[in-house]
């Protein structure tokens, strides 16, 4: 008991001496030279992102919601989407449900989707067809019960033409739908 009390007194003396203790000295020595407000920092980040959007320095990618699934797409990607989908071969479409758009330098994250008109993802329908044959085989032993079912799902193949961040961040959208 005496050892614990001595240890606690020694620890209390470290933090209660005139210099403020080890922790506060560490924090004050590493404090930034200037205190920028949060508003200034936010404006700096937004202006940097706007400059990167104008320069188009790196390749854009987006995460889009399509037929109940999320897909990460960039320019020139091919997507094979399962399930019925009405567009015909050769149709050019715009994918509107963009959940995230980014480059290697910054990301625009939607809540739940990115602001309409800020990001445009265009695609072309390349082909429509059926998937490979899936076999469903059911058997119960010693009951002379066997069933074989075959299933082929509809598939649509898309080519992503472009992923473009249109507007500047924190400005009114130019063309919404």
Protein backbone atom coordinates (compact mmCIF):
# COMPACT_ATOMS: atom_id res chain seq x y z
CA UNK A 1 0.00 0.00 0.00
CA UNK A 2 2.85 2.34 0.85
CA UNK A 3 4.50 1.64 -2.51
CA UNK A 4 1.35 2.55 -4.40
CA UNK A 5 0.94 5.77 -2.42
CA UNK A 6 4.59 6.72 -3.05
CA UNK A 7 4.20 6.05 -6.77
CA UNK A 8 1.06 8.19 -6.96
CA UNK A 9 2.75 11.03 -5.06
CA UNK A 10 5.72 10.92 -7.43
CA UNK A 11 3.38 10.97 -10.44
CA UNK A 12 1.37 13.87 -8.97
CA UNK A 13 4.55 15.85 -8.37
CA UNK A 14 5.59 15.48 -12.00
CA UNK A 15 2.31 16.97 -13.24
CA UNK A 16 1.93 19.60 -10.52
CA UNK A 17 5.33 21.31 -10.68
CA UNK A 18 5.62 24.83 -12.05
CA UNK A 19 6.45 23.73 -15.59
CA UNK A 20 3.07 22.09 -16.13
CA UNK A 21 4.19 18.48 -16.24
CA UNK A 22 5.46 16.26 -19.02
CA UNK A 23 2.25 16.09 -21.03
CA UNK A 24 1.53 19.80 -21.16
CA UNK A 25 5.17 20.60 -21.99
CA UNK A 26 5.01 18.16 -24.88
CA UNK A 27 1.80 19.69 -26.22
CA UNK A 28 2.99 23.31 -25.90
CA UNK A 29 6.35 22.55 -27.56
CA UNK A 30 4.60 21.05 -30.60
CA UNK A 31 1.93 23.73 -30.91
CA UNK A 32 1.59 25.32 -34.39
CA UNK A 33 3.19 28.71 -34.90
CA UNK A 34 0.00 30.32 -36.14
CA UNK A 35 -3.59 29.56 -35.27
CA UNK A 36 -5.72 29.37 -38.39
CA UNK A 37 -9.44 29.35 -37.99
CA UNK A 38 -11.50 26.46 -39.30
CA UNK A 39 -13.21 28.71 -41.86
CA UNK A 40 -9.88 29.76 -43.40
CA UNK A 41 -8.68 26.16 -43.56
CA UNK A 42 -11.93 25.07 -45.23
CA UNK A 43 -11.64 27.84 -47.82
CA UNK A 44 -8.03 26.83 -48.54
CA UNK A 45 -9.02 23.20 -49.07
CA UNK A 46 -11.95 24.12 -51.33
CA UNK A 47 -9.83 26.47 -53.45
CA UNK A 48 -7.14 23.80 -53.84
CA UNK A 49 -9.74 21.24 -54.94
CA UNK A 50 -11.29 23.71 -57.41
CA UNK A 51 -7.86 24.35 -58.91
CA UNK A 52 -7.27 20.59 -59.29
CA UNK A 53 -10.69 20.19 -60.96
CA UNK A 54 -9.83 22.90 -63.51
CA UNK A 55 -6.38 21.45 -64.23
CA UNK A 56 -7.73 17.89 -64.63
CA UNK A 57 -4.31 16.69 -63.51
CA UNK A 58 -5.23 13.10 -62.70
CA UNK A 59 -7.74 10.44 -63.68
CA UNK A 60 -11.17 10.65 -62.07
CA UNK A 61 -13.04 7.70 -60.63
CA UNK A 62 -16.49 7.36 -59.13
CA UNK A 63 -18.56 4.92 -57.13
CA UNK A 64 -22.02 4.63 -58.65
CA UNK A 65 -25.15 2.82 -57.53
CA UNK A 66 -26.54 0.70 -60.34
CA UNK A 67 -29.24 -2.00 -60.10
CA UNK A 68 -28.80 -2.48 -56.36
CA UNK A 69 -25.00 -2.72 -56.40
CA UNK A 70 -22.15 -0.26 -56.03
CA UNK A 71 -19.51 -0.10 -58.75
CA UNK A 72 -16.14 1.67 -58.85
CA UNK A 73 -15.74 3.08 -62.37
CA UNK A 74 -13.19 5.10 -64.34
CA UNK A 75 -12.92 6.07 -68.01
CA UNK A 76 -12.98 3.06 -70.34
CA UNK A 77 -14.16 0.46 -67.80
CA UNK A 78 -16.45 -2.40 -68.77
CA UNK A 79 -19.30 -3.39 -66.45
CA UNK A 80 -21.37 -6.54 -66.67
CA UNK A 81 -24.65 -5.93 -64.86
CA UNK A 82 -26.99 -8.83 -64.09
CA UNK A 83 -30.75 -8.48 -64.14
CA UNK A 84 -33.34 -6.96 -66.43
CA UNK A 85 -32.51 -3.44 -67.60
CA UNK A 86 -34.53 -1.64 -70.30
CA UNK A 87 -31.91 0.36 -72.32
CA UNK A 88 -31.10 -1.01 -75.80
CA UNK A 89 -27.74 -1.69 -77.43
CA UNK A 90 -26.01 1.53 -78.47
CA UNK A 91 -27.89 3.80 -76.05
CA UNK A 92 -25.80 6.44 -74.31
CA UNK A 93 -26.86 6.87 -70.69
CA UNK A 94 -25.90 9.00 -67.72
CA UNK A 95 -25.47 7.31 -64.35
CA UNK A 96 -27.01 9.72 -61.85
CA UNK A 97 -26.57 7.99 -58.50
CA UNK A 98 -22.94 8.91 -57.81
CA UNK A 99 -22.01 8.06 -54.22
CA UNK A 100 -18.39 9.22 -54.38
CA UNK A 101 -16.17 10.95 -56.93
CA UNK A 102 -12.44 11.31 -56.53
CA UNK A 103 -9.00 11.72 -58.03
CA UNK A 104 -5.71 10.71 -56.48
CA UNK A 105 -5.60 14.09 -54.69
CA UNK A 106 -9.09 14.56 -53.24
CA UNK A 107 -12.50 12.92 -52.78
CA UNK A 108 -16.08 14.19 -52.96
CA UNK A 109 -18.25 12.06 -50.71
CA UNK A 110 -22.03 12.20 -51.00
CA UNK A 111 -24.57 12.01 -48.20
CA UNK A 112 -25.91 9.65 -49.60
CA UNK A 113 -25.23 10.88 -53.16
CA UNK A 114 -23.04 13.65 -54.51
CA UNK A 115 -24.84 16.91 -55.36
CA UNK A 116 -26.71 16.49 -58.68
CA UNK A 117 -24.88 18.14 -61.55
CA UNK A 118 -21.49 18.10 -59.85
CA UNK A 119 -20.32 14.79 -61.34
CA UNK A 120 -21.31 13.29 -64.69
CA UNK A 121 -20.74 9.60 -65.44
CA UNK A 122 -21.66 8.64 -69.02
CA UNK A 123 -21.82 5.12 -70.41
CA UNK A 124 -22.79 3.24 -73.58
CA UNK A 125 -24.68 -0.06 -73.74
CA UNK A 126 -22.44 -2.50 -75.62
CA UNK A 127 -24.35 -5.76 -75.50
CA UNK A 128 -27.24 -7.58 -73.92
CA UNK A 129 -27.46 -11.31 -73.44
CA UNK A 130 -27.71 -14.19 -71.03
CA UNK A 131 -25.18 -15.38 -68.47
CA UNK A 132 -23.55 -18.81 -68.42
CA UNK A 133 -25.81 -21.71 -67.43
CA UNK A 134 -26.04 -22.28 -63.70
CA UNK A 135 -27.07 -25.76 -62.59
CA UNK A 136 -29.16 -26.34 -59.47
CA UNK A 137 -29.03 -30.02 -58.51
CA UNK A 138 -31.13 -31.32 -55.63
CA UNK A 139 -31.01 -34.87 -54.29
CA UNK A 140 -32.29 -36.67 -51.22
CA UNK A 141 -30.52 -39.89 -50.51
CA UNK A 142 -32.42 -43.15 -50.35
CA UNK A 143 -35.66 -41.41 -51.41
CA UNK A 144 -35.32 -41.61 -55.21
CA UNK A 145 -35.60 -37.82 -55.39
CA UNK A 146 -33.52 -35.82 -57.88
CA UNK A 147 -34.19 -32.46 -59.55
CA UNK A 148 -31.99 -30.58 -61.99
CA UNK A 149 -32.79 -26.96 -62.80
CA UNK A 150 -30.89 -24.71 -65.17
CA UNK A 151 -30.84 -20.94 -64.85
CA UNK A 152 -29.52 -18.14 -67.08
CA UNK A 153 -29.79 -14.52 -65.96
CA UNK A 154 -30.04 -11.50 -68.25
CA UNK A 155 -26.85 -9.45 -68.51
CA UNK A 156 -26.09 -6.00 -69.84
CA UNK A 157 -22.56 -4.89 -70.70
CA UNK A 158 -21.67 -1.18 -70.34
CA UNK A 159 -18.60 0.80 -71.32
CA UNK A 160 -17.94 3.87 -69.15
CA UNK A 161 -17.20 6.74 -71.53
CA UNK A 162 -16.25 9.43 -69.04
CA UNK A 163 -16.21 10.42 -65.38
CA UNK A 164 -16.18 14.21 -65.24
CA UNK A 165 -16.36 16.56 -62.27
CA UNK A 166 -18.29 19.44 -63.88
CA UNK A 167 -18.62 22.32 -61.48
CA UNK A 168 -16.54 24.01 -58.90
CA UNK A 169 -17.16 22.89 -55.33
CA UNK A 170 -19.53 25.06 -53.23
CA UNK A 171 -21.06 26.77 -56.27
CA UNK A 172 -24.54 26.45 -57.72
CA UNK A 173 -24.83 23.60 -60.24
CA UNK A 174 -24.72 24.62 -63.91
CA UNK A 175 -26.84 21.87 -65.43
CA UNK A 176 -28.98 19.71 -63.22
CA UNK A 177 -30.47 16.78 -65.14
